[in-house]
Structures are given as C-alpha cells and as structure tokens.
Amino acid sequence: FSLFHEHWTPKLVGELNGQYVKLAKVQGRFVWHDHESEDELFLVVKGTLHLHFRDRPTVTLQEGELYIVPKGVEHCPEAPEEVHLLLLEPKSTAHTGDVQSELTVTEQEWI
C-alpha cells in the first residue's frame, strides 16, 4: 500500500485463474454501480468499510473481514476514514460497471 496514494484507483498486483487481485485505498463515498456478470470480493486490510445496497441492509466490514457482492447487485462503498482493500474480481470487471463518473478508472496500473 506504500507504493500509491490515490483513492478509488485500484492497482493490479496479481492474476489468479482469470481473476485480478487488486489493492486499493478508499476514502469518502464511491458511486452507485453494479457488475452485471461478475461477483466482487472486498477484504478490508485496514480501516472500516460500509457497503450500501438498495435492496438489503448496509454491511459494515472491519479489518480482516470480507464480503462478496453478488453479480447484478447495486452497491455503493463508503469509507469515513482511509481504508486499505484487497479486491478479487474477474478480469472482465469494469471499475464502476456501466456507470461513468469522475471516479471511473478505465486503465488499471500494475504495481
């Protein structure tokens, strides 16, 4: 995590059976989005992450906890303080699904 400082800009650190392993620093509220065909795994390495959903209660993750957002489920991550995440997603996963915003990253960097 010491190799980058940007928030909401996942960095690629590995590839495993058609999945990307990513690291990200996040803070504040992200955009509402879903991934039509891909599940998304969030593992909190540092901090507290809130995953908001339109169709279910908010899930709060502490350090060492993980949650898998099923494909097609609209979600909005939020971190009141900086959070360090490990993400596991299929290589085809678009950063913000079909939603385009100023936070959308189209080319993810390997570190």
PDB file of N, CA and C in Angstrom:
ATOM      1  N   PHE A   1       0.815  -1.202   0.000  1.00  0.00           N
ATOM      2  CA  PHE A   1       0.000   0.000   0.000  1.00  0.00           C
ATOM      3  C   PHE A   1       0.859   1.266   0.000  1.00  0.00           C
ATOM      4  N   SER A   2       2.130   1.130   0.317  1.00  0.00           N
ATOM      5  CA  SER A   2       3.010   2.299   0.355  1.00  0.00           C
ATOM      6  C   SER A   2       3.420   2.769  -1.043  1.00  0.00           C
ATOM      7  N   LEU A   3       3.100   1.990  -2.078  1.00  0.00           N
ATOM      8  CA  LEU A   3       3.510   2.339  -3.440  1.00  0.00           C
ATOM      9  C   LEU A   3       2.560   3.295  -4.143  1.00  0.00           C
ATOM     10  N   PHE A   4       1.410   3.611  -3.524  1.00  0.00           N
ATOM     11  CA  PHE A   4       0.470   4.533  -4.159  1.00  0.00           C
ATOM     12  C   PHE A   4      -0.319   5.278  -3.087  1.00  0.00           C
ATOM     13  N   HIS A   5      -0.920   6.403  -3.505  1.00  0.00           N
ATOM     14  CA  HIS A   5      -1.627   7.260  -2.553  1.00  0.00           C
ATOM     15  C   HIS A   5      -3.045   7.608  -3.001  1.00  0.00           C
ATOM     16  N   GLU A   6      -3.376   7.402  -4.263  1.00  0.00           N
ATOM     17  CA  GLU A   6      -4.679   7.793  -4.798  1.00  0.00           C
ATOM     18  C   GLU A   6      -5.800   6.963  -4.171  1.00  0.00           C
ATOM     19  N   HIS A   7      -6.935   7.616  -3.991  1.00  0.00           N
ATOM     20  CA  HIS A   7      -8.128   6.910  -3.516  1.00  0.00           C
ATOM     21  C   HIS A   7      -8.978   6.477  -4.711  1.00  0.00           C
ATOM     22  N   TRP A   8      -9.675   5.351  -4.551  1.00  0.00           N
ATOM     23  CA  TRP A   8     -10.609   4.808  -5.543  1.00  0.00           C
ATOM     24  C   TRP A   8      -9.923   4.494  -6.866  1.00  0.00           C
ATOM     25  N   THR A   9      -8.631   4.167  -6.826  1.00  0.00           N
ATOM     26  CA  THR A   9      -7.874   3.832  -8.033  1.00  0.00           C
ATOM     27  C   THR A   9      -7.168   2.498  -7.812  1.00  0.00           C
ATOM     28  N   PRO A  10      -7.886   1.384  -7.976  1.00  0.00           N
ATOM     29  CA  PRO A  10      -7.295   0.067  -7.697  1.00  0.00           C
ATOM     30  C   PRO A  10      -6.036  -0.191  -8.520  1.00  0.00           C
ATOM     31  N   LYS A  11      -5.079  -0.843  -7.894  1.00  0.00           N
ATOM     32  CA  LYS A  11      -3.829  -1.222  -8.550  1.00  0.00           C
ATOM     33  C   LYS A  11      -3.784  -2.740  -8.682  1.00  0.00           C
ATOM     34  N   LEU A  12      -3.349  -3.216  -9.827  1.00  0.00           N
ATOM     35  CA  LEU A  12      -3.242  -4.652 -10.072  1.00  0.00           C
ATOM     36  C   LEU A  12      -1.956  -5.185  -9.447  1.00  0.00           C
ATOM     37  N   VAL A  13      -2.096  -6.269  -8.670  1.00  0.00           N
ATOM     38  CA  VAL A  13      -0.915  -6.866  -8.035  1.00  0.00           C
ATOM     39  C   VAL A  13      -0.756  -8.344  -8.365  1.00  0.00           C
ATOM     40  N   GLY A  14      -1.767  -8.939  -8.998  1.00  0.00           N
ATOM     41  CA  GLY A  14      -1.662 -10.348  -9.343  1.00  0.00           C
ATOM     42  C   GLY A  14      -2.811 -10.812 -10.199  1.00  0.00           C
ATOM     43  N   GLU A  15      -2.639 -12.005 -10.744  1.00  0.00           N
ATOM     44  CA  GLU A  15      -3.663 -12.637 -11.574  1.00  0.00           C
ATOM     45  C   GLU A  15      -3.761 -14.090 -11.132  1.00  0.00           C
ATOM     46  N   LEU A  16      -4.993 -14.566 -10.954  1.00  0.00           N
ATOM     47  CA  LEU A  16      -5.202 -15.903 -10.413  1.00  0.00           C
ATOM     48  C   LEU A  16      -6.427 -16.527 -11.060  1.00  0.00           C
ATOM     49  N   ASN A  17      -6.245 -17.534 -11.899  1.00  0.00           N
ATOM     50  CA  ASN A  17      -7.369 -18.261 -12.503  1.00  0.00           C
ATOM     51  C   ASN A  17      -8.403 -17.338 -13.134  1.00  0.00           C
ATOM     52  N   GLY A  18      -7.940 -16.395 -13.940  1.00  0.00           N
ATOM     53  CA  GLY A  18      -8.848 -15.487 -14.630  1.00  0.00           C
ATOM     54  C   GLY A  18      -9.361 -14.344 -13.773  1.00  0.00           C
ATOM     55  N   GLN A  19      -8.824 -14.207 -12.579  1.00  0.00           N
ATOM     56  CA  GLN A  19      -9.218 -13.133 -11.661  1.00  0.00           C
ATOM     57  C   GLN A  19      -8.037 -12.180 -11.485  1.00  0.00           C
ATOM     58  N   TYR A  20      -8.341 -10.898 -11.294  1.00  0.00           N
ATOM     59  CA  TYR A  20      -7.315  -9.947 -10.893  1.00  0.00           C
ATOM     60  C   TYR A  20      -7.342  -9.804  -9.382  1.00  0.00           C
ATOM     61  N   VAL A  21      -6.158  -9.725  -8.797  1.00  0.00           N
ATOM     62  CA  VAL A  21      -6.000  -9.374  -7.390  1.00  0.00           C
ATOM     63  C   VAL A  21      -5.589  -7.903  -7.395  1.00  0.00           C
ATOM     64  N   LYS A  22      -6.357  -7.074  -6.657  1.00  0.00           N
ATOM     65  CA  LYS A  22      -6.131  -5.628  -6.677  1.00  0.00           C
ATOM     66  C   LYS A  22      -5.983  -5.103  -5.254  1.00  0.00           C
ATOM     67  N   LEU A  23      -5.220  -4.024  -5.135  1.00  0.00           N
ATOM     68  CA  LEU A  23      -5.143  -3.276  -3.889  1.00  0.00           C
ATOM     69  C   LEU A  23      -5.720  -1.896  -4.151  1.00  0.00           C
ATOM     70  N   ALA A  24      -6.414  -1.355  -3.157  1.00  0.00           N
ATOM     71  CA  ALA A  24      -6.988  -0.020  -3.303  1.00  0.00           C
ATOM     72  C   ALA A  24      -7.003   0.687  -1.964  1.00  0.00           C
ATOM     73  N   LYS A  25      -6.830   1.999  -2.043  1.00  0.00           N
ATOM     74  CA  LYS A  25      -7.077   2.872  -0.900  1.00  0.00           C
ATOM     75  C   LYS A  25      -8.359   3.626  -1.216  1.00  0.00           C
ATOM     76  N   VAL A  26      -9.262   3.676  -0.263  1.00  0.00           N
ATOM     77  CA  VAL A  26     -10.530   4.366  -0.488  1.00  0.00           C
ATOM     78  C   VAL A  26     -10.831   5.272   0.695  1.00  0.00           C
ATOM     79  N   GLN A  27     -11.517   6.374   0.394  1.00  0.00           N
ATOM     80  CA  GLN A  27     -11.991   7.270   1.440  1.00  0.00           C
ATOM     81  C   GLN A  27     -13.113   8.103   0.852  1.00  0.00           C
ATOM     82  N   GLY A  28     -14.163   8.323   1.648  1.00  0.00           N
ATOM     83  CA  GLY A  28     -15.333   9.031   1.173  1.00  0.00           C
ATOM     84  C   GLY A  28     -16.332   8.052   0.587  1.00  0.00           C
ATOM     85  N   ARG A  29     -17.235   8.583  -0.231  1.00  0.00           N
ATOM     86  CA  ARG A  29     -18.296   7.760  -0.814  1.00  0.00           C
ATOM     87  C   ARG A  29     -18.011   7.549  -2.293  1.00  0.00           C
ATOM     88  N   PHE A  30     -18.182   6.318  -2.759  1.00  0.00           N
ATOM     89  CA  PHE A  30     -17.995   5.979  -4.166  1.00  0.00           C
ATOM     90  C   PHE A  30     -19.314   6.198  -4.903  1.00  0.00           C
ATOM     91  N   VAL A  31     -19.437   5.705  -6.110  1.00  0.00           N
ATOM     92  CA  VAL A  31     -20.663   5.847  -6.899  1.00  0.00           C
ATOM     93  C   VAL A  31     -21.497   4.572  -6.800  1.00  0.00           C
ATOM     94  N   TRP A  32     -22.821   4.724  -6.914  1.00  0.00           N
ATOM     95  CA  TRP A  32     -23.701   3.558  -7.001  1.00  0.00           C
ATOM     96  C   TRP A  32     -23.422   2.868  -8.325  1.00  0.00           C
ATOM     97  N   HIS A  33     -23.238   1.553  -8.286  1.00  0.00           N
ATOM     98  CA  HIS A  33     -22.976   0.799  -9.510  1.00  0.00           C
ATOM     99  C   HIS A  33     -23.207  -0.684  -9.241  1.00  0.00           C
ATOM    100  N   ASP A  34     -23.229  -1.462 -10.305  1.00  0.00           N
ATOM    101  CA  ASP A  34     -23.258  -2.917 -10.180  1.00  0.00           C
ATOM    102  C   ASP A  34     -22.388  -3.505 -11.277  1.00  0.00           C
ATOM    103  N   HIS A  35     -22.136  -4.771 -11.152  1.00  0.00           N
ATOM    104  CA  HIS A  35     -21.382  -5.513 -12.164  1.00  0.00           C
ATOM    105  C   HIS A  35     -22.309  -6.628 -12.632  1.00  0.00           C
ATOM    106  N   GLU A  36     -22.853  -6.460 -13.819  1.00  0.00           N
ATOM    107  CA  GLU A  36     -23.904  -7.343 -14.330  1.00  0.00           C
ATOM    108  C   GLU A  36     -23.508  -8.816 -14.341  1.00  0.00           C
ATOM    109  N   SER A  37     -22.250  -9.105 -14.665  1.00  0.00           N
ATOM    110  CA  SER A  37     -21.847 -10.505 -14.850  1.00  0.00           C
ATOM    111  C   SER A  37     -20.775 -10.986 -13.882  1.00  0.00           C
ATOM    112  N   GLU A  38     -20.338 -10.135 -12.956  1.00  0.00           N
ATOM    113  CA  GLU A  38     -19.213 -10.506 -12.099  1.00  0.00           C
ATOM    114  C   GLU A  38     -19.520 -10.291 -10.613  1.00  0.00           C
ATOM    115  N   ASP A  39     -19.115 -11.261  -9.795  1.00  0.00           N
ATOM    116  CA  ASP A  39     -19.101 -11.081  -8.348  1.00  0.00           C
ATOM    117  C   ASP A  39     -17.850 -10.265  -8.010  1.00  0.00           C
ATOM    118  N   GLU A  40     -17.871  -9.616  -6.825  1.00  0.00           N
ATOM    119  CA  GLU A  40     -16.743  -8.781  -6.407  1.00  0.00           C
ATOM    120  C   GLU A  40     -16.452  -9.035  -4.929  1.00  0.00           C
ATOM    121  N   LEU A  41     -15.206  -9.407  -4.622  1.00  0.00           N
ATOM    122  CA  LEU A  41     -14.815  -9.688  -3.243  1.00  0.00           C
ATOM    123  C   LEU A  41     -14.050  -8.500  -2.670  1.00  0.00           C
ATOM    124  N   PHE A  42     -14.500  -8.034  -1.495  1.00  0.00           N
ATOM    125  CA  PHE A  42     -13.836  -6.965  -0.746  1.00  0.00           C
ATOM    126  C   PHE A  42     -13.243  -7.572   0.518  1.00  0.00           C
ATOM    127  N   LEU A  43     -11.954  -7.372   0.757  1.00  0.00           N
ATOM    128  CA  LEU A  43     -11.306  -7.765   2.010  1.00  0.00           C
ATOM    129  C   LEU A  43     -10.676  -6.508   2.604  1.00  0.00           C
ATOM    130  N   VAL A  44     -11.107  -6.139   3.807  1.00  0.00           N
ATOM    131  CA  VAL A  44     -10.574  -4.943   4.458  1.00  0.00           C
ATOM    132  C   VAL A  44      -9.262  -5.304   5.153  1.00  0.00           C
ATOM    133  N   VAL A  45      -8.192  -4.656   4.721  1.00  0.00           N
ATOM    134  CA  VAL A  45      -6.877  -4.851   5.317  1.00  0.00           C
ATOM    135  C   VAL A  45      -6.677  -3.857   6.460  1.00  0.00           C
ATOM    136  N   LYS A  46      -7.182  -2.638   6.271  1.00  0.00           N
ATOM    137  CA  LYS A  46      -7.056  -1.591   7.288  1.00  0.00           C
ATOM    138  C   LYS A  46      -8.282  -0.691   7.232  1.00  0.00           C
ATOM    139  N   GLY A  47      -8.866  -0.386   8.391  1.00  0.00           N
ATOM    140  CA  GLY A  47      -9.976   0.557   8.457  1.00  0.00           C
ATOM    141  C   GLY A  47     -11.333  -0.113   8.536  1.00  0.00           C
ATOM    142  N   THR A  48     -12.370   0.691   8.271  1.00  0.00           N
ATOM    143  CA  THR A  48     -13.762   0.243   8.311  1.00  0.00           C
ATOM    144  C   THR A  48     -14.452   0.661   7.019  1.00  0.00           C
ATOM    145  N   LEU A  49     -15.079  -0.288   6.336  1.00  0.00           N
ATOM    146  CA  LEU A  49     -15.767  -0.041   5.070  1.00  0.00           C
ATOM    147  C   LEU A  49     -17.247  -0.329   5.230  1.00  0.00           C
ATOM    148  N   HIS A  50     -18.079   0.587   4.714  1.00  0.00           N
ATOM    149  CA  HIS A  50     -19.527   0.375   4.673  1.00  0.00           C
ATOM    150  C   HIS A  50     -19.910   0.081   3.224  1.00  0.00           C
ATOM    151  N   LEU A  51     -20.629  -1.013   3.009  1.00  0.00           N
ATOM    152  CA  LEU A  51     -21.168  -1.343   1.687  1.00  0.00           C
ATOM    153  C   LEU A  51     -22.669  -1.109   1.743  1.00  0.00           C
ATOM    154  N   HIS A  52     -23.122  -0.066   1.042  1.00  0.00           N
ATOM    155  CA  HIS A  52     -24.544   0.259   0.997  1.00  0.00           C
ATOM    156  C   HIS A  52     -25.185  -0.476  -0.176  1.00  0.00           C
ATOM    157  N   PHE A  53     -26.415  -0.912   0.014  1.00  0.00           N
ATOM    158  CA  PHE A  53     -27.176  -1.624  -1.010  1.00  0.00           C
ATOM    159  C   PHE A  53     -28.561  -1.011  -1.116  1.00  0.00           C
ATOM    160  N   ARG A  54     -29.156  -1.092  -2.282  1.00  0.00           N
ATOM    161  CA  ARG A  54     -30.525  -0.594  -2.471  1.00  0.00           C
ATOM    162  C   ARG A  54     -31.552  -1.603  -1.965  1.00  0.00           C
ATOM    163  N   ASP A  55     -31.201  -2.897  -1.992  1.00  0.00           N
ATOM    164  CA  ASP A  55     -32.191  -3.943  -1.716  1.00  0.00           C
ATOM    165  C   ASP A  55     -31.925  -4.729  -0.441  1.00  0.00           C
ATOM    166  N   ARG A  56     -30.982  -4.285   0.390  1.00  0.00           N
ATOM    167  CA  ARG A  56     -30.644  -5.005   1.619  1.00  0.00           C
ATOM    168  C   ARG A  56     -29.935  -4.041   2.567  1.00  0.00           C
ATOM    169  N   PRO A  57     -29.816  -4.432   3.832  1.00  0.00           N
ATOM    170  CA  PRO A  57     -29.156  -3.544   4.798  1.00  0.00           C
ATOM    171  C   PRO A  57     -27.673  -3.325   4.476  1.00  0.00           C
ATOM    172  N   THR A  58     -27.149  -2.204   4.932  1.00  0.00           N
ATOM    173  CA  THR A  58     -25.728  -1.891   4.799  1.00  0.00           C
ATOM    174  C   THR A  58     -24.894  -2.930   5.543  1.00  0.00           C
ATOM    175  N   VAL A  59     -23.788  -3.325   4.924  1.00  0.00           N
ATOM    176  CA  VAL A  59     -22.831  -4.242   5.550  1.00  0.00           C
ATOM    177  C   VAL A  59     -21.611  -3.418   5.954  1.00  0.00           C
ATOM    178  N   THR A  60     -21.191  -3.549   7.203  1.00  0.00           N
ATOM    179  CA  THR A  60     -20.002  -2.858   7.694  1.00  0.00           C
ATOM    180  C   THR A  60     -18.900  -3.885   7.919  1.00  0.00           C
ATOM    181  N   LEU A  61     -17.754  -3.633   7.291  1.00  0.00           N
ATOM    182  CA  LEU A  61     -16.609  -4.537   7.382  1.00  0.00           C
ATOM    183  C   LEU A  61     -15.484  -3.883   8.169  1.00  0.00           C
ATOM    184  N   GLN A  62     -14.931  -4.637   9.099  1.00  0.00           N
ATOM    185  CA  GLN A  62     -13.773  -4.204   9.879  1.00  0.00           C
ATOM    186  C   GLN A  62     -12.526  -4.890   9.319  1.00  0.00           C
ATOM    187  N   GLU A  63     -11.372  -4.520   9.839  1.00  0.00           N
ATOM    188  CA  GLU A  63     -10.109  -5.128   9.403  1.00  0.00           C
ATOM    189  C   GLU A  63     -10.183  -6.649   9.490  1.00  0.00           C
ATOM    190  N   GLY A  64      -9.757  -7.310   8.411  1.00  0.00           N
ATOM    191  CA  GLY A  64      -9.734  -8.764   8.379  1.00  0.00           C
ATOM    192  C   GLY A  64     -11.035  -9.397   7.929  1.00  0.00           C
ATOM    193  N   GLU A  65     -12.075  -8.590   7.697  1.00  0.00           N
ATOM    194  CA  GLU A  65     -13.368  -9.141   7.264  1.00  0.00           C
ATOM    195  C   GLU A  65     -13.527  -8.981   5.762  1.00  0.00           C
ATOM    196  N   LEU A  66     -14.288  -9.906   5.171  1.00  0.00           N
ATOM    197  CA  LEU A  66     -14.543  -9.830   3.740  1.00  0.00           C
ATOM    198  C   LEU A  66     -16.019 -10.002   3.452  1.00  0.00           C
ATOM    199  N   TYR A  67     -16.391  -9.553   2.250  1.00  0.00           N
ATOM    200  CA  TYR A  67     -17.769  -9.685   1.786  1.00  0.00           C
ATOM    201  C   TYR A  67     -17.724  -9.839   0.276  1.00  0.00           C
ATOM    202  N   ILE A  68     -18.583 -10.694  -0.246  1.00  0.00           N
ATOM    203  CA  ILE A  68     -18.694 -10.869  -1.692  1.00  0.00           C
ATOM    204  C   ILE A  68     -20.004 -10.252  -2.148  1.00  0.00           C
ATOM    205  N   VAL A  69     -19.905  -9.236  -3.004  1.00  0.00           N
ATOM    206  CA  VAL A  69     -21.086  -8.620  -3.600  1.00  0.00           C
ATOM    207  C   VAL A  69     -21.447  -9.455  -4.822  1.00  0.00           C
ATOM    208  N   PRO A  70     -22.643 -10.057  -4.832  1.00  0.00           N
ATOM    209  CA  PRO A  70     -23.028 -10.884  -5.975  1.00  0.00           C
ATOM    210  C   PRO A  70     -23.221 -10.058  -7.249  1.00  0.00           C
ATOM    211  N   LYS A  71     -22.984 -10.694  -8.374  1.00  0.00           N
ATOM    212  CA  LYS A  71     -23.190 -10.017  -9.655  1.00  0.00           C
ATOM    213  C   LYS A  71     -24.599  -9.453  -9.726  1.00  0.00           C
ATOM    214  N   GLY A  72     -24.722  -8.284 -10.348  1.00  0.00           N
ATOM    215  CA  GLY A  72     -26.014  -7.649 -10.554  1.00  0.00           C
ATOM    216  C   GLY A  72     -26.566  -6.895  -9.359  1.00  0.00           C
ATOM    217  N   VAL A  73     -25.873  -6.899  -8.222  1.00  0.00           N
ATOM    218  CA  VAL A  73     -26.369  -6.211  -7.024  1.00  0.00           C
ATOM    219  C   VAL A  73     -25.773  -4.802  -6.977  1.00  0.00           C
ATOM    220  N   GLU A  74     -26.652  -3.798  -6.989  1.00  0.00           N
ATOM    221  CA  GLU A  74     -26.195  -2.416  -6.937  1.00  0.00           C
ATOM    222  C   GLU A  74     -25.643  -2.118  -5.548  1.00  0.00           C
ATOM    223  N   HIS A  75     -24.471  -1.496  -5.512  1.00  0.00           N
ATOM    224  CA  HIS A  75     -23.810  -1.211  -4.243  1.00  0.00           C
ATOM    225  C   HIS A  75     -23.044   0.105  -4.327  1.00  0.00           C
ATOM    226  N   CYS A  76     -22.753   0.643  -3.141  1.00  0.00           N
ATOM    227  CA  CYS A  76     -22.028   1.906  -3.037  1.00  0.00           C
ATOM    228  C   CYS A  76     -21.108   1.834  -1.826  1.00  0.00           C
ATOM    229  N   PRO A  77     -19.817   1.606  -2.025  1.00  0.00           N
ATOM    230  CA  PRO A  77     -18.879   1.566  -0.908  1.00  0.00           C
ATOM    231  C   PRO A  77     -18.664   2.962  -0.316  1.00  0.00           C
ATOM    232  N   GLU A  78     -18.439   2.991   1.001  1.00  0.00           N
ATOM    233  CA  GLU A  78     -18.171   4.254   1.682  1.00  0.00           C
ATOM    234  C   GLU A  78     -17.178   4.013   2.814  1.00  0.00           C
ATOM    235  N   ALA A  79     -16.234   4.941   2.952  1.00  0.00           N
ATOM    236  CA  ALA A  79     -15.212   4.841   3.998  1.00  0.00           C
ATOM    237  C   ALA A  79     -15.037   6.212   4.642  1.00  0.00           C
ATOM    238  N   PRO A  80     -15.514   6.379   5.880  1.00  0.00           N
ATOM    239  CA  PRO A  80     -15.363   7.674   6.552  1.00  0.00           C
ATOM    240  C   PRO A  80     -13.891   8.082   6.712  1.00  0.00           C
ATOM    241  N   GLU A  81     -13.025   7.109   6.953  1.00  0.00           N
ATOM    242  CA  GLU A  81     -11.574   7.317   7.045  1.00  0.00           C
ATOM    243  C   GLU A  81     -10.916   6.429   5.990  1.00  0.00           C
ATOM    244  N   GLU A  82      -9.648   6.661   5.709  1.00  0.00           N
ATOM    245  CA  GLU A  82      -8.969   5.867   4.683  1.00  0.00           C
ATOM    246  C   GLU A  82      -9.001   4.378   5.028  1.00  0.00           C
ATOM    247  N   VAL A  83      -9.350   3.580   4.016  1.00  0.00           N
ATOM    248  CA  VAL A  83      -9.414   2.124   4.135  1.00  0.00           C
ATOM    249  C   VAL A  83      -8.479   1.522   3.092  1.00  0.00           C
ATOM    250  N   HIS A  84      -7.799   0.458   3.470  1.00  0.00           N
ATOM    251  CA  HIS A  84      -6.978  -0.315   2.538  1.00  0.00           C
ATOM    252  C   HIS A  84      -7.731  -1.601   2.227  1.00  0.00           C
ATOM    253  N   LEU A  85      -7.918  -1.885   0.939  1.00  0.00           N
ATOM    254  CA  LEU A  85      -8.693  -3.041   0.492  1.00  0.00           C
ATOM    255  C   LEU A  85      -7.873  -3.956  -0.397  1.00  0.00           C
ATOM    256  N   LEU A  86      -8.171  -5.243  -0.315  1.00  0.00           N
ATOM    257  CA  LEU A  86      -7.767  -6.217  -1.310  1.00  0.00           C
ATOM    258  C   LEU A  86      -9.055  -6.603  -2.027  1.00  0.00           C
ATOM    259  N   LEU A  87      -9.034  -6.535  -3.350  1.00  0.00           N
ATOM    260  CA  LEU A  87     -10.199  -6.877  -4.170  1.00  0.00           C
ATOM    261  C   LEU A  87      -9.853  -8.071  -5.046  1.00  0.00           C
ATOM    262  N   LEU A  88     -10.810  -8.942  -5.237  1.00  0.00           N
ATOM    263  CA  LEU A  88     -10.653 -10.077  -6.137  1.00  0.00           C
ATOM    264  C   LEU A  88     -11.837 -10.045  -7.087  1.00  0.00           C
ATOM    265  N   GLU A  89     -11.533  -9.875  -8.386  1.00  0.00           N
ATOM    266  CA  GLU A  89     -12.580  -9.719  -9.397  1.00  0.00           C
ATOM    267  C   GLU A  89     -12.161 -10.409 -10.689  1.00  0.00           C
ATOM    268  N   PRO A  90     -13.144 -10.890 -11.470  1.00  0.00           N
ATOM    269  CA  PRO A  90     -12.811 -11.391 -12.800  1.00  0.00           C
ATOM    270  C   PRO A  90     -12.133 -10.291 -13.626  1.00  0.00           C
ATOM    271  N   LYS A  91     -11.256 -10.677 -14.519  1.00  0.00           N
ATOM    272  CA  LYS A  91     -10.534  -9.708 -15.337  1.00  0.00           C
ATOM    273  C   LYS A  91     -11.470  -8.815 -16.139  1.00  0.00           C
ATOM    274  N   SER A  92     -12.668  -9.295 -16.448  1.00  0.00           N
ATOM    275  CA  SER A  92     -13.616  -8.529 -17.261  1.00  0.00           C
ATOM    276  C   SER A  92     -14.349  -7.442 -16.482  1.00  0.00           C
ATOM    277  N   THR A  93     -14.156  -7.358 -15.172  1.00  0.00           N
ATOM    278  CA  THR A  93     -14.922  -6.428 -14.341  1.00  0.00           C
ATOM    279  C   THR A  93     -14.541  -4.979 -14.628  1.00  0.00           C
ATOM    280  N   ALA A  94     -15.539  -4.178 -15.032  1.00  0.00           N
ATOM    281  CA  ALA A  94     -15.336  -2.738 -15.216  1.00  0.00           C
ATOM    282  C   ALA A  94     -15.391  -2.062 -13.851  1.00  0.00           C
ATOM    283  N   HIS A  95     -14.530  -1.097 -13.637  1.00  0.00           N
ATOM    284  CA  HIS A  95     -14.362  -0.436 -12.338  1.00  0.00           C
ATOM    285  C   HIS A  95     -15.686   0.028 -11.739  1.00  0.00           C
ATOM    286  N   THR A  96     -16.499   0.733 -12.502  1.00  0.00           N
ATOM    287  CA  THR A  96     -17.791   1.220 -12.000  1.00  0.00           C
ATOM    288  C   THR A  96     -18.957   0.615 -12.786  1.00  0.00           C
ATOM    289  N   GLY A  97     -18.794  -0.608 -13.248  1.00  0.00           N
ATOM    290  CA  GLY A  97     -19.864  -1.255 -14.012  1.00  0.00           C
ATOM    291  C   GLY A  97     -20.179  -0.446 -15.258  1.00  0.00           C
ATOM    292  N   ASP A  98     -21.477  -0.217 -15.510  1.00  0.00           N
ATOM    293  CA  ASP A  98     -21.908   0.570 -16.667  1.00  0.00           C
ATOM    294  C   ASP A  98     -21.990   2.058 -16.367  1.00  0.00           C
ATOM    295  N   VAL A  99     -21.712   2.457 -15.125  1.00  0.00           N
ATOM    296  CA  VAL A  99     -21.797   3.857 -14.711  1.00  0.00           C
ATOM    297  C   VAL A  99     -20.479   4.559 -15.021  1.00  0.00           C
ATOM    298  N   GLN A 100     -20.574   5.737 -15.622  1.00  0.00           N
ATOM    299  CA  GLN A 100     -19.393   6.563 -15.870  1.00  0.00           C
ATOM    300  C   GLN A 100     -19.432   7.755 -14.923  1.00  0.00           C
ATOM    301  N   SER A 101     -18.326   8.006 -14.241  1.00  0.00           N
ATOM    302  CA  SER A 101     -18.235   9.162 -13.351  1.00  0.00           C
ATOM    303  C   SER A 101     -16.799   9.647 -13.336  1.00  0.00           C
ATOM    304  N   GLU A 102     -16.555  10.733 -12.613  1.00  0.00           N
ATOM    305  CA  GLU A 102     -15.190  11.247 -12.497  1.00  0.00           C
ATOM    306  C   GLU A 102     -14.280  10.274 -11.747  1.00  0.00           C
ATOM    307  N   LEU A 103     -14.865   9.289 -11.055  1.00  0.00           N
ATOM    308  CA  LEU A 103     -14.082   8.294 -10.320  1.00  0.00           C
ATOM    309  C   LEU A 103     -13.771   7.039 -11.141  1.00  0.00           C
ATOM    310  N   THR A 104     -14.373   6.917 -12.323  1.00  0.00           N
ATOM    311  CA  THR A 104     -14.172   5.725 -13.148  1.00  0.00           C
ATOM    312  C   THR A 104     -12.722   5.629 -13.632  1.00  0.00           C
ATOM    313  N   VAL A 105     -12.142   4.456 -13.450  1.00  0.00           N
ATOM    314  CA  VAL A 105     -10.786   4.167 -13.934  1.00  0.00           C
ATOM    315  C   VAL A 105     -10.923   3.142 -15.054  1.00  0.00           C
ATOM    316  N   THR A 106     -10.436   3.490 -16.245  1.00  0.00           N
ATOM    317  CA  THR A 106     -10.564   2.566 -17.374  1.00  0.00           C
ATOM    318  C   THR A 106      -9.302   1.728 -17.577  1.00  0.00           C
ATOM    319  N   GLU A 107      -8.137   2.290 -17.287  1.00  0.00           N
ATOM    320  CA  GLU A 107      -6.869   1.564 -17.411  1.00  0.00           C
ATOM    321  C   GLU A 107      -6.273   1.406 -16.017  1.00  0.00           C
ATOM    322  N   GLN A 108      -6.222   0.167 -15.528  1.00  0.00           N
ATOM    323  CA  GLN A 108      -5.691  -0.066 -14.188  1.00  0.00           C
ATOM    324  C   GLN A 108      -4.202  -0.386 -14.270  1.00  0.00           C
ATOM    325  N   GLU A 109      -3.455   0.180 -13.351  1.00  0.00           N
ATOM    326  CA  GLU A 109      -1.997   0.097 -13.342  1.00  0.00           C
ATOM    327  C   GLU A 109      -1.506  -1.101 -12.529  1.00  0.00           C
ATOM    328  N   TRP A 110      -0.489  -1.779 -13.072  1.00  0.00           N
ATOM    329  CA  TRP A 110       0.198  -2.846 -12.334  1.00  0.00           C
ATOM    330  C   TRP A 110       1.250  -2.220 -11.430  1.00  0.00           C
ATOM    331  N   ILE A 111       1.342  -2.722 -10.213  1.00  0.00           N
ATOM    332  CA  ILE A 111       2.428  -2.272  -9.326  1.00  0.00           C
ATOM    333  C   ILE A 111       3.193  -3.491  -8.821  1.00  0.00           C
TER     334      ILE A 111
END
